[in-house]
């Protein structure tokens, strides 16, 4: 097992060193060509020189390195999230598995859960939405991973590009003052919560690849995992003895029971600052949402954030 990691690390080290050497070579070739161009600014024949050909090829290879790097980063970080989940629960003495979701913990115990991990290094808002939709669909069992009825369903999405401000898109910032600093905390947290709820709702309620997905008119959907709640709405609360857990409970006299909600965790690789209603700045690394049914209608609601 360790040999696989050793081989992969060796290959990564080679690729990293090659990328460094390539960057240096491109800088050198660009400098040499600039000398030629300055000496003969109207002579286009420099594009037929061996130096120009080498520069073009080096730039093509650099683009390929960037593609490799993004893909490797996405895969490794995704597996890293699964590793963290598996190891954390292994050392808690809980049964773990990988057949019914990316990671499952327990079966019918109070801590039982099935987690679909997603990770993106894309700067595009659409990439994140696609992952939410895909994870929701996977939790229906469409891809062959069918969570057990007693396992809480969790979607865990990590966004690892500092320019990706999901749930906001680039067009949301078109009229922003050029001097404004997003990382200084200018986006209202309440706006973030509402936009995120809307984005999540849209993805888990309309995704119908292969005519499954979270849709009340289809069979085998996530609706089978949602609670049949009493009007007007359930009252959720957390277990005070497990403050780090995102599990929610329904008040039912003196016997609260775990709410069978779909939990959605949005994790930022680079924490995001938001401004509160009172003008303070908070830093959000993880935002937790819950999807549940009220009066037969799907609802998505913000639950908490973690710095």
C-alpha atoms as a PDB file:
ATOM      1  CA  UNK A   1       0.000   0.000   0.000  1.00  0.00           C
ATOM      2  CA  UNK A   2       2.715   2.473   0.989  1.00  0.00           C
ATOM      3  CA  UNK A   3       4.597   1.718  -2.232  1.00  0.00           C
ATOM      4  CA  UNK A   4       1.756   3.238  -4.262  1.00  0.00           C
ATOM      5  CA  UNK A   5       2.074   6.488  -2.336  1.00  0.00           C
ATOM      6  CA  UNK A   6       5.868   6.429  -2.666  1.00  0.00           C
ATOM      7  CA  UNK A   7       5.626   5.986  -6.441  1.00  0.00           C
ATOM      8  CA  UNK A   8       3.039   8.759  -6.694  1.00  0.00           C
ATOM      9  CA  UNK A   9       5.153  11.104  -4.571  1.00  0.00           C
ATOM     10  CA  UNK A  10       8.195  10.382  -6.746  1.00  0.00           C
ATOM     11  CA  UNK A  11       6.189  11.188  -9.888  1.00  0.00           C
ATOM     12  CA  UNK A  12       4.819  14.376  -8.303  1.00  0.00           C
ATOM     13  CA  UNK A  13       8.315  15.501  -7.332  1.00  0.00           C
ATOM     14  CA  UNK A  14       9.481  14.954 -10.921  1.00  0.00           C
ATOM     15  CA  UNK A  15       6.523  16.910 -12.276  1.00  0.00           C
ATOM     16  CA  UNK A  16       7.054  19.741  -9.805  1.00  0.00           C
ATOM     17  CA  UNK A  17      10.758  20.027 -10.646  1.00  0.00           C
ATOM     18  CA  UNK A  18       9.994  19.890 -14.371  1.00  0.00           C
ATOM     19  CA  UNK A  19       7.427  22.676 -13.959  1.00  0.00           C
ATOM     20  CA  UNK A  20       9.978  24.866 -12.147  1.00  0.00           C
ATOM     21  CA  UNK A  21      12.590  24.252 -14.854  1.00  0.00           C
ATOM     22  CA  UNK A  22      10.002  24.973 -17.551  1.00  0.00           C
ATOM     23  CA  UNK A  23       9.035  28.310 -15.990  1.00  0.00           C
ATOM     24  CA  UNK A  24      12.702  29.309 -15.865  1.00  0.00           C
ATOM     25  CA  UNK A  25      13.201  28.259 -19.493  1.00  0.00           C
ATOM     26  CA  UNK A  26      10.198  30.311 -20.633  1.00  0.00           C
ATOM     27  CA  UNK A  27      11.494  33.406 -18.826  1.00  0.00           C
ATOM     28  CA  UNK A  28      14.897  32.924 -20.453  1.00  0.00           C
ATOM     29  CA  UNK A  29      13.447  32.472 -23.967  1.00  0.00           C
ATOM     30  CA  UNK A  30      11.135  35.472 -23.546  1.00  0.00           C
ATOM     31  CA  UNK A  31      14.079  37.642 -22.495  1.00  0.00           C
ATOM     32  CA  UNK A  32      16.173  36.496 -25.471  1.00  0.00           C
ATOM     33  CA  UNK A  33      13.357  37.163 -27.937  1.00  0.00           C
ATOM     34  CA  UNK A  34      12.707  40.601 -26.471  1.00  0.00           C
ATOM     35  CA  UNK A  35      16.304  41.536 -27.287  1.00  0.00           C
ATOM     36  CA  UNK A  36      15.812  40.401 -30.897  1.00  0.00           C
ATOM     37  CA  UNK A  37      12.474  42.213 -31.235  1.00  0.00           C
ATOM     38  CA  UNK A  38      13.821  45.477 -29.802  1.00  0.00           C
ATOM     39  CA  UNK A  39      16.729  45.342 -32.243  1.00  0.00           C
ATOM     40  CA  UNK A  40      14.414  44.727 -35.228  1.00  0.00           C
ATOM     41  CA  UNK A  41      10.893  45.827 -34.196  1.00  0.00           C
ATOM     42  CA  UNK A  42       9.469  45.656 -37.742  1.00  0.00           C
ATOM     43  CA  UNK A  43      11.039  42.343 -38.735  1.00  0.00           C
ATOM     44  CA  UNK A  44       8.507  39.491 -38.342  1.00  0.00           C
ATOM     45  CA  UNK A  45      11.000  36.761 -39.199  1.00  0.00           C
ATOM     46  CA  UNK A  46      11.768  36.165 -35.521  1.00  0.00           C
ATOM     47  CA  UNK A  47       8.693  33.904 -35.497  1.00  0.00           C
ATOM     48  CA  UNK A  48      10.575  31.501 -37.731  1.00  0.00           C
ATOM     49  CA  UNK A  49      13.543  31.303 -35.389  1.00  0.00           C
ATOM     50  CA  UNK A  50      14.347  28.261 -33.289  1.00  0.00           C
ATOM     51  CA  UNK A  51      13.966  30.386 -30.157  1.00  0.00           C
ATOM     52  CA  UNK A  52      10.374  31.271 -31.050  1.00  0.00           C
ATOM     53  CA  UNK A  53       9.508  27.639 -31.790  1.00  0.00           C
ATOM     54  CA  UNK A  54      11.000  26.571 -28.467  1.00  0.00           C
ATOM     55  CA  UNK A  55       9.036  29.267 -26.634  1.00  0.00           C
ATOM     56  CA  UNK A  56       5.726  28.253 -28.223  1.00  0.00           C
ATOM     57  CA  UNK A  57       6.337  24.594 -27.385  1.00  0.00           C
ATOM     58  CA  UNK A  58       7.359  25.458 -23.838  1.00  0.00           C
ATOM     59  CA  UNK A  59       4.186  27.498 -23.360  1.00  0.00           C
ATOM     60  CA  UNK A  60       2.076  24.609 -24.658  1.00  0.00           C
ATOM     61  CA  UNK A  61       3.767  22.272 -22.205  1.00  0.00           C
ATOM     62  CA  UNK A  62       3.220  24.787 -19.392  1.00  0.00           C
ATOM     63  CA  UNK A  63      -0.499  24.810 -20.194  1.00  0.00           C
ATOM     64  CA  UNK A  64      -0.470  21.025 -19.969  1.00  0.00           C
ATOM     65  CA  UNK A  65       1.295  21.196 -16.601  1.00  0.00           C
ATOM     66  CA  UNK A  66      -1.442  23.501 -15.335  1.00  0.00           C
ATOM     67  CA  UNK A  67      -4.094  21.059 -16.518  1.00  0.00           C
ATOM     68  CA  UNK A  68      -2.301  18.135 -14.855  1.00  0.00           C
ATOM     69  CA  UNK A  69      -1.868  20.135 -11.674  1.00  0.00           C
ATOM     70  CA  UNK A  70      -5.546  21.081 -11.438  1.00  0.00           C
ATOM     71  CA  UNK A  71      -6.684  17.510 -12.052  1.00  0.00           C
ATOM     72  CA  UNK A  72      -4.181  15.967  -9.633  1.00  0.00           C
ATOM     73  CA  UNK A  73      -5.042  18.546  -6.987  1.00  0.00           C
ATOM     74  CA  UNK A  74      -8.762  17.863  -7.351  1.00  0.00           C
ATOM     75  CA  UNK A  75      -8.367  14.082  -7.117  1.00  0.00           C
ATOM     76  CA  UNK A  76      -5.888  14.118  -4.230  1.00  0.00           C
ATOM     77  CA  UNK A  77      -7.859  16.638  -2.184  1.00  0.00           C
ATOM     78  CA  UNK A  78     -11.054  14.673  -2.785  1.00  0.00           C
ATOM     79  CA  UNK A  79      -9.484  11.462  -1.527  1.00  0.00           C
ATOM     80  CA  UNK A  80      -8.013  13.438   1.340  1.00  0.00           C
ATOM     81  CA  UNK A  81     -11.519  14.402   2.469  1.00  0.00           C
ATOM     82  CA  UNK A  82     -12.563  10.747   2.401  1.00  0.00           C
ATOM     83  CA  UNK A  83      -9.419   9.820   4.332  1.00  0.00           C
ATOM     84  CA  UNK A  84     -10.194  12.389   7.020  1.00  0.00           C
ATOM     85  CA  UNK A  85     -13.744  11.057   7.433  1.00  0.00           C
ATOM     86  CA  UNK A  86     -12.648   7.442   7.528  1.00  0.00           C
ATOM     87  CA  UNK A  87      -9.744   7.887   9.932  1.00  0.00           C
ATOM     88  CA  UNK A  88     -11.649  10.188  12.276  1.00  0.00           C
ATOM     89  CA  UNK A  89     -14.397   7.638  12.804  1.00  0.00           C
ATOM     90  CA  UNK A  90     -12.045   4.655  12.796  1.00  0.00           C
ATOM     91  CA  UNK A  91     -10.269   6.035  15.839  1.00  0.00           C
ATOM     92  CA  UNK A  92     -13.621   6.653  17.509  1.00  0.00           C
ATOM     93  CA  UNK A  93     -14.209   2.912  17.309  1.00  0.00           C
ATOM     94  CA  UNK A  94     -17.087   3.218  14.847  1.00  0.00           C
ATOM     95  CA  UNK A  95     -17.782   0.867  11.959  1.00  0.00           C
ATOM     96  CA  UNK A  96     -16.882   2.478   8.638  1.00  0.00           C
ATOM     97  CA  UNK A  97     -17.589   1.416   5.064  1.00  0.00           C
ATOM     98  CA  UNK A  98     -17.254   2.536   1.466  1.00  0.00           C
ATOM     99  CA  UNK A  99     -19.967   0.567  -0.331  1.00  0.00           C
ATOM    100  CA  UNK A 100     -23.059   2.710   0.271  1.00  0.00           C
ATOM    101  CA  UNK A 101     -21.438   6.152  -0.208  1.00  0.00           C
ATOM    102  CA  UNK A 102     -17.948   7.652  -0.360  1.00  0.00           C
ATOM    103  CA  UNK A 103     -17.766   7.010   3.386  1.00  0.00           C
ATOM    104  CA  UNK A 104     -20.355   5.493   5.721  1.00  0.00           C
ATOM    105  CA  UNK A 105     -20.268   5.369   9.492  1.00  0.00           C
ATOM    106  CA  UNK A 106     -22.416   2.914  11.438  1.00  0.00           C
ATOM    107  CA  UNK A 107     -25.771   1.556  10.287  1.00  0.00           C
ATOM    108  CA  UNK A 108     -28.617   2.417  12.666  1.00  0.00           C
ATOM    109  CA  UNK A 109     -26.730   4.042  15.555  1.00  0.00           C
ATOM    110  CA  UNK A 110     -27.377   7.651  16.523  1.00  0.00           C
ATOM    111  CA  UNK A 111     -24.140   8.616  14.750  1.00  0.00           C
ATOM    112  CA  UNK A 112     -24.828   6.594  11.582  1.00  0.00           C
ATOM    113  CA  UNK A 113     -24.267   8.574   8.382  1.00  0.00           C
ATOM    114  CA  UNK A 114     -23.518   8.277   4.683  1.00  0.00           C
ATOM    115  CA  UNK A 115     -21.286  10.985   3.208  1.00  0.00           C
ATOM    116  CA  UNK A 116     -20.752  11.988  -0.412  1.00  0.00           C
ATOM    117  CA  UNK A 117     -17.575  14.049  -0.668  1.00  0.00           C
ATOM    118  CA  UNK A 118     -16.984  16.470  -3.527  1.00  0.00           C
ATOM    119  CA  UNK A 119     -14.023  18.743  -4.201  1.00  0.00           C
ATOM    120  CA  UNK A 120     -13.394  21.389  -6.844  1.00  0.00           C
ATOM    121  CA  UNK A 121     -10.534  23.676  -7.802  1.00  0.00           C
ATOM    122  CA  UNK A 122     -12.642  25.389 -10.462  1.00  0.00           C
ATOM    123  CA  UNK A 123     -13.259  29.146 -10.254  1.00  0.00           C
ATOM    124  CA  UNK A 124     -16.712  28.589 -11.739  1.00  0.00           C
ATOM    125  CA  UNK A 125     -19.894  28.758  -9.664  1.00  0.00           C
ATOM    126  CA  UNK A 126     -21.471  26.191 -12.004  1.00  0.00           C
ATOM    127  CA  UNK A 127     -18.891  23.563 -11.067  1.00  0.00           C
ATOM    128  CA  UNK A 128     -19.955  23.718  -7.416  1.00  0.00           C
ATOM    129  CA  UNK A 129     -23.637  23.503  -8.297  1.00  0.00           C
ATOM    130  CA  UNK A 130     -22.996  20.470 -10.486  1.00  0.00           C
ATOM    131  CA  UNK A 131     -21.266  18.729  -7.602  1.00  0.00           C
ATOM    132  CA  UNK A 132     -24.137  19.426  -5.220  1.00  0.00           C
ATOM    133  CA  UNK A 133     -26.574  17.996  -7.750  1.00  0.00           C
ATOM    134  CA  UNK A 134     -24.400  14.967  -8.464  1.00  0.00           C
ATOM    135  CA  UNK A 135     -23.934  14.187  -4.771  1.00  0.00           C
ATOM    136  CA  UNK A 136     -27.683  14.450  -4.162  1.00  0.00           C
ATOM    137  CA  UNK A 137     -28.300  12.092  -7.040  1.00  0.00           C
ATOM    138  CA  UNK A 138     -25.697   9.625  -5.766  1.00  0.00           C
ATOM    139  CA  UNK A 139     -27.435   9.530  -2.399  1.00  0.00           C
ATOM    140  CA  UNK A 140     -30.525   8.221  -4.171  1.00  0.00           C
ATOM    141  CA  UNK A 141     -28.506   5.145  -5.130  1.00  0.00           C
ATOM    142  CA  UNK A 142     -28.323   5.996  -8.823  1.00  0.00           C
ATOM    143  CA  UNK A 143     -24.596   5.259  -9.063  1.00  0.00           C
ATOM    144  CA  UNK A 144     -24.773   1.983  -7.173  1.00  0.00           C
ATOM    145  CA  UNK A 145     -24.034   3.447  -3.746  1.00  0.00           C
ATOM    146  CA  UNK A 146     -27.306   3.120  -1.847  1.00  0.00           C
ATOM    147  CA  UNK A 147     -27.156   4.522   1.716  1.00  0.00           C
ATOM    148  CA  UNK A 148     -28.893   2.488   4.384  1.00  0.00           C
ATOM    149  CA  UNK A 149     -32.215   3.857   5.727  1.00  0.00           C
ATOM    150  CA  UNK A 150     -30.728   4.443   9.181  1.00  0.00           C
ATOM    151  CA  UNK A 151     -27.813   6.523   7.934  1.00  0.00           C
ATOM    152  CA  UNK A 152     -28.018  10.311   7.976  1.00  0.00           C
ATOM    153  CA  UNK A 153     -27.354  11.626   4.463  1.00  0.00           C
ATOM    154  CA  UNK A 154     -24.588  14.212   4.101  1.00  0.00           C
ATOM    155  CA  UNK A 155     -23.290  16.135   1.094  1.00  0.00           C
ATOM    156  CA  UNK A 156     -19.808  17.555   1.756  1.00  0.00           C
ATOM    157  CA  UNK A 157     -18.458  19.948  -0.896  1.00  0.00           C
ATOM    158  CA  UNK A 158     -15.043  21.618  -0.644  1.00  0.00           C
ATOM    159  CA  UNK A 159     -14.311  24.686  -2.791  1.00  0.00           C
ATOM    160  CA  UNK A 160     -10.565  25.077  -3.164  1.00  0.00           C
ATOM    161  CA  UNK A 161     -10.187  28.047  -5.480  1.00  0.00           C
ATOM    162  CA  UNK A 162      -9.809  31.448  -3.792  1.00  0.00           C
ATOM    163  CA  UNK A 163     -11.599  33.183  -6.672  1.00  0.00           C
ATOM    164  CA  UNK A 164     -14.698  30.981  -6.448  1.00  0.00           C
ATOM    165  CA  UNK A 165     -17.196  32.868  -4.302  1.00  0.00           C
ATOM    166  CA  UNK A 166     -20.043  30.367  -4.518  1.00  0.00           C
ATOM    167  CA  UNK A 167     -22.989  30.915  -4.169  1.00  0.00           C
ATOM    168  CA  UNK A 168     -22.120  34.184  -5.917  1.00  0.00           C
ATOM    169  CA  UNK A 169     -21.060  34.340  -9.555  1.00  0.00           C
ATOM    170  CA  UNK A 170     -18.698  36.715 -11.316  1.00  0.00           C
ATOM    171  CA  UNK A 171     -21.646  38.683 -12.709  1.00  0.00           C
ATOM    172  CA  UNK A 172     -22.724  39.458  -9.138  1.00  0.00           C
ATOM    173  CA  UNK A 173     -19.597  41.601  -8.777  1.00  0.00           C
ATOM    174  CA  UNK A 174     -19.727  43.396 -12.153  1.00  0.00           C
ATOM    175  CA  UNK A 175     -20.880  46.676 -10.604  1.00  0.00           C
ATOM    176  CA  UNK A 176     -18.597  46.418  -7.605  1.00  0.00           C
ATOM    177  CA  UNK A 177     -16.225  49.299  -6.945  1.00  0.00           C
ATOM    178  CA  UNK A 178     -12.804  48.297  -8.381  1.00  0.00           C
ATOM    179  CA  UNK A 179     -11.282  49.336  -5.069  1.00  0.00           C
ATOM    180  CA  UNK A 180     -13.592  47.072  -3.071  1.00  0.00           C
ATOM    181  CA  UNK A 181     -11.871  44.180  -1.318  1.00  0.00           C
ATOM    182  CA  UNK A 182     -13.962  41.008  -1.205  1.00  0.00           C
ATOM    183  CA  UNK A 183     -11.508  39.534   1.259  1.00  0.00           C
ATOM    184  CA  UNK A 184     -11.973  42.511   3.526  1.00  0.00           C
ATOM    185  CA  UNK A 185     -15.528  41.398   4.246  1.00  0.00           C
ATOM    186  CA  UNK A 186     -18.093  43.385   2.249  1.00  0.00           C
ATOM    187  CA  UNK A 187     -20.720  40.740   1.407  1.00  0.00           C
ATOM    188  CA  UNK A 188     -23.609  40.626   3.915  1.00  0.00           C
ATOM    189  CA  UNK A 189     -23.774  37.254   5.652  1.00  0.00           C
ATOM    190  CA  UNK A 190     -27.575  37.266   5.454  1.00  0.00           C
ATOM    191  CA  UNK A 191     -27.339  37.627   1.676  1.00  0.00           C
ATOM    192  CA  UNK A 192     -24.883  34.730   1.561  1.00  0.00           C
ATOM    193  CA  UNK A 193     -27.265  32.489   3.512  1.00  0.00           C
ATOM    194  CA  UNK A 194     -30.266  33.283   1.325  1.00  0.00           C
ATOM    195  CA  UNK A 195     -28.328  32.864  -1.918  1.00  0.00           C
ATOM    196  CA  UNK A 196     -26.799  29.572  -0.755  1.00  0.00           C
ATOM    197  CA  UNK A 197     -30.189  28.206   0.323  1.00  0.00           C
ATOM    198  CA  UNK A 198     -31.579  29.092  -3.093  1.00  0.00           C
ATOM    199  CA  UNK A 199     -28.682  27.504  -4.986  1.00  0.00           C
ATOM    200  CA  UNK A 200     -28.831  24.287  -2.966  1.00  0.00           C
ATOM    201  CA  UNK A 201     -32.608  24.056  -3.284  1.00  0.00           C
ATOM    202  CA  UNK A 202     -32.386  24.430  -7.050  1.00  0.00           C
ATOM    203  CA  UNK A 203     -29.725  21.748  -7.417  1.00  0.00           C
ATOM    204  CA  UNK A 204     -31.272  19.075  -5.226  1.00  0.00           C
ATOM    205  CA  UNK A 205     -34.818  19.676  -6.421  1.00  0.00           C
ATOM    206  CA  UNK A 206     -34.326  19.907 -10.180  1.00  0.00           C
ATOM    207  CA  UNK A 207     -31.446  17.566 -10.928  1.00  0.00           C
ATOM    208  CA  UNK A 208     -33.016  14.709 -12.885  1.00  0.00           C
ATOM    209  CA  UNK A 209     -30.192  12.877 -14.640  1.00  0.00           C
ATOM    210  CA  UNK A 210     -31.526   9.482 -15.721  1.00  0.00           C
ATOM    211  CA  UNK A 211     -34.910  10.680 -14.417  1.00  0.00           C
ATOM    212  CA  UNK A 212     -34.044  10.148 -10.759  1.00  0.00           C
ATOM    213  CA  UNK A 213     -32.652  12.944  -8.598  1.00  0.00           C
ATOM    214  CA  UNK A 214     -34.513  14.674  -5.802  1.00  0.00           C
ATOM    215  CA  UNK A 215     -37.962  14.995  -7.323  1.00  0.00           C
ATOM    216  CA  UNK A 216     -41.276  14.073  -5.659  1.00  0.00           C
ATOM    217  CA  UNK A 217     -42.567  12.670  -8.935  1.00  0.00           C
ATOM    218  CA  UNK A 218     -39.842  10.062  -9.284  1.00  0.00           C
ATOM    219  CA  UNK A 219     -39.105   6.764  -7.620  1.00  0.00           C
ATOM    220  CA  UNK A 220     -36.069   6.123  -5.446  1.00  0.00           C
ATOM    221  CA  UNK A 221     -35.508   9.757  -4.597  1.00  0.00           C
ATOM    222  CA  UNK A 222     -34.115  11.455  -1.536  1.00  0.00           C
ATOM    223  CA  UNK A 223     -37.675  12.163  -0.473  1.00  0.00           C
ATOM    224  CA  UNK A 224     -37.796   8.656   0.957  1.00  0.00           C
ATOM    225  CA  UNK A 225     -35.174   9.812   3.456  1.00  0.00           C
ATOM    226  CA  UNK A 226     -37.019  12.957   4.499  1.00  0.00           C
ATOM    227  CA  UNK A 227     -39.209  13.019   7.620  1.00  0.00           C
ATOM    228  CA  UNK A 228     -42.982  13.230   7.460  1.00  0.00           C
ATOM    229  CA  UNK A 229     -43.298  16.305   9.648  1.00  0.00           C
ATOM    230  CA  UNK A 230     -46.170  17.712  11.627  1.00  0.00           C
ATOM    231  CA  UNK A 231     -47.631  21.117  10.789  1.00  0.00           C
ATOM    232  CA  UNK A 232     -46.628  23.839  10.805  1.00  0.00           C
ATOM    233  CA  UNK A 233     -42.963  22.817  10.896  1.00  0.00           C
ATOM    234  CA  UNK A 234     -40.506  20.759  12.919  1.00  0.00           C
ATOM    235  CA  UNK A 235     -38.429  22.408  15.613  1.00  0.00           C
ATOM    236  CA  UNK A 236     -34.830  21.325  15.237  1.00  0.00           C
ATOM    237  CA  UNK A 237     -32.148  21.441  17.870  1.00  0.00           C
ATOM    238  CA  UNK A 238     -28.652  20.075  18.329  1.00  0.00           C
ATOM    239  CA  UNK A 239     -27.424  17.628  20.914  1.00  0.00           C
ATOM    240  CA  UNK A 240     -25.778  19.797  23.610  1.00  0.00           C
ATOM    241  CA  UNK A 241     -23.521  16.868  24.481  1.00  0.00           C
ATOM    242  CA  UNK A 242     -22.131  16.758  20.929  1.00  0.00           C
ATOM    243  CA  UNK A 243     -21.574  20.421  19.975  1.00  0.00           C
ATOM    244  CA  UNK A 244     -19.393  19.592  16.966  1.00  0.00           C
ATOM    245  CA  UNK A 245     -21.967  17.290  15.405  1.00  0.00           C
ATOM    246  CA  UNK A 246     -24.270  18.689  12.725  1.00  0.00           C
ATOM    247  CA  UNK A 247     -27.014  16.162  13.529  1.00  0.00           C
ATOM    248  CA  UNK A 248     -30.390  17.736  14.308  1.00  0.00           C
ATOM    249  CA  UNK A 249     -33.160  16.490  16.575  1.00  0.00           C
ATOM    250  CA  UNK A 250     -36.906  17.032  16.611  1.00  0.00           C
ATOM    251  CA  UNK A 251     -38.621  18.059  19.835  1.00  0.00           C
ATOM    252  CA  UNK A 252     -41.132  15.370  20.725  1.00  0.00           C
ATOM    253  CA  UNK A 253     -42.069  15.695  24.372  1.00  0.00           C
ATOM    254  CA  UNK A 254     -39.343  14.280  26.561  1.00  0.00           C
ATOM    255  CA  UNK A 255     -38.099  11.977  23.812  1.00  0.00           C
ATOM    256  CA  UNK A 256     -36.427  14.002  21.062  1.00  0.00           C
ATOM    257  CA  UNK A 257     -35.587  11.927  18.005  1.00  0.00           C
ATOM    258  CA  UNK A 258     -32.982  12.524  15.355  1.00  0.00           C
ATOM    259  CA  UNK A 259     -34.395  14.448  12.405  1.00  0.00           C
ATOM    260  CA  UNK A 260     -33.945  12.574   9.155  1.00  0.00           C
ATOM    261  CA  UNK A 261     -32.761  15.597   7.198  1.00  0.00           C
ATOM    262  CA  UNK A 262     -30.294  15.876   4.349  1.00  0.00           C
ATOM    263  CA  UNK A 263     -27.237  17.784   5.586  1.00  0.00           C
ATOM    264  CA  UNK A 264     -25.227  19.901   3.139  1.00  0.00           C
ATOM    265  CA  UNK A 265     -21.785  21.110   4.210  1.00  0.00           C
ATOM    266  CA  UNK A 266     -20.100  23.755   2.070  1.00  0.00           C
ATOM    267  CA  UNK A 267     -16.406  24.000   2.922  1.00  0.00           C
ATOM    268  CA  UNK A 268     -14.071  26.753   1.722  1.00  0.00           C
ATOM    269  CA  UNK A 269     -10.414  25.776   1.363  1.00  0.00           C
ATOM    270  CA  UNK A 270      -9.650  29.459   1.924  1.00  0.00           C
ATOM    271  CA  UNK A 271     -12.098  30.837   4.547  1.00  0.00           C
ATOM    272  CA  UNK A 272     -14.359  33.673   3.393  1.00  0.00           C
ATOM    273  CA  UNK A 273     -15.124  36.876   5.334  1.00  0.00           C
ATOM    274  CA  UNK A 274     -18.674  38.240   5.515  1.00  0.00           C
ATOM    275  CA  UNK A 275     -20.192  41.245   7.230  1.00  0.00           C
ATOM    276  CA  UNK A 276     -22.913  40.687   9.829  1.00  0.00           C
ATOM    277  CA  UNK A 277     -26.091  42.702  10.364  1.00  0.00           C
ATOM    278  CA  UNK A 278     -24.333  44.594  13.170  1.00  0.00           C
ATOM    279  CA  UNK A 279     -21.345  45.482  11.000  1.00  0.00           C
ATOM    280  CA  UNK A 280     -18.946  42.918  12.401  1.00  0.00           C
ATOM    281  CA  UNK A 281     -16.794  40.637  10.270  1.00  0.00           C
ATOM    282  CA  UNK A 282     -17.014  36.854  10.550  1.00  0.00           C
ATOM    283  CA  UNK A 283     -14.835  34.275   8.832  1.00  0.00           C
ATOM    284  CA  UNK A 284     -16.600  31.254   7.381  1.00  0.00           C
ATOM    285  CA  UNK A 285     -14.775  28.035   6.606  1.00  0.00           C
ATOM    286  CA  UNK A 286     -17.789  25.712   6.737  1.00  0.00           C
ATOM    287  CA  UNK A 287     -21.448  26.600   6.215  1.00  0.00           C
ATOM    288  CA  UNK A 288     -23.991  23.921   7.129  1.00  0.00           C
ATOM    289  CA  UNK A 289     -27.465  23.664   5.629  1.00  0.00           C
ATOM    290  CA  UNK A 290     -30.322  21.183   6.075  1.00  0.00           C
ATOM    291  CA  UNK A 291     -32.905  20.044   3.542  1.00  0.00           C
ATOM    292  CA  UNK A 292     -36.196  18.714   4.868  1.00  0.00           C
ATOM    293  CA  UNK A 293     -39.878  18.529   4.027  1.00  0.00           C
ATOM    294  CA  UNK A 294     -42.500  20.801   5.562  1.00  0.00           C
ATOM    295  CA  UNK A 295     -46.119  20.227   4.594  1.00  0.00           C
ATOM    296  CA  UNK A 296     -45.018  18.136   1.643  1.00  0.00           C
ATOM    297  CA  UNK A 297     -42.684  20.838   0.303  1.00  0.00           C
ATOM    298  CA  UNK A 298     -38.910  20.683   0.212  1.00  0.00           C
ATOM    299  CA  UNK A 299     -37.158  23.349   2.278  1.00  0.00           C
ATOM    300  CA  UNK A 300     -33.479  24.248   2.570  1.00  0.00           C
ATOM    301  CA  UNK A 301     -32.390  26.200   5.638  1.00  0.00           C
ATOM    302  CA  UNK A 302     -29.065  27.487   6.937  1.00  0.00           C
ATOM    303  CA  UNK A 303     -28.059  25.843  10.227  1.00  0.00           C
ATOM    304  CA  UNK A 304     -24.660  27.093  11.346  1.00  0.00           C
ATOM    305  CA  UNK A 305     -21.195  28.155  10.287  1.00  0.00           C
ATOM    306  CA  UNK A 306     -17.743  27.249  11.533  1.00  0.00           C
ATOM    307  CA  UNK A 307     -14.629  29.392  11.279  1.00  0.00           C
END
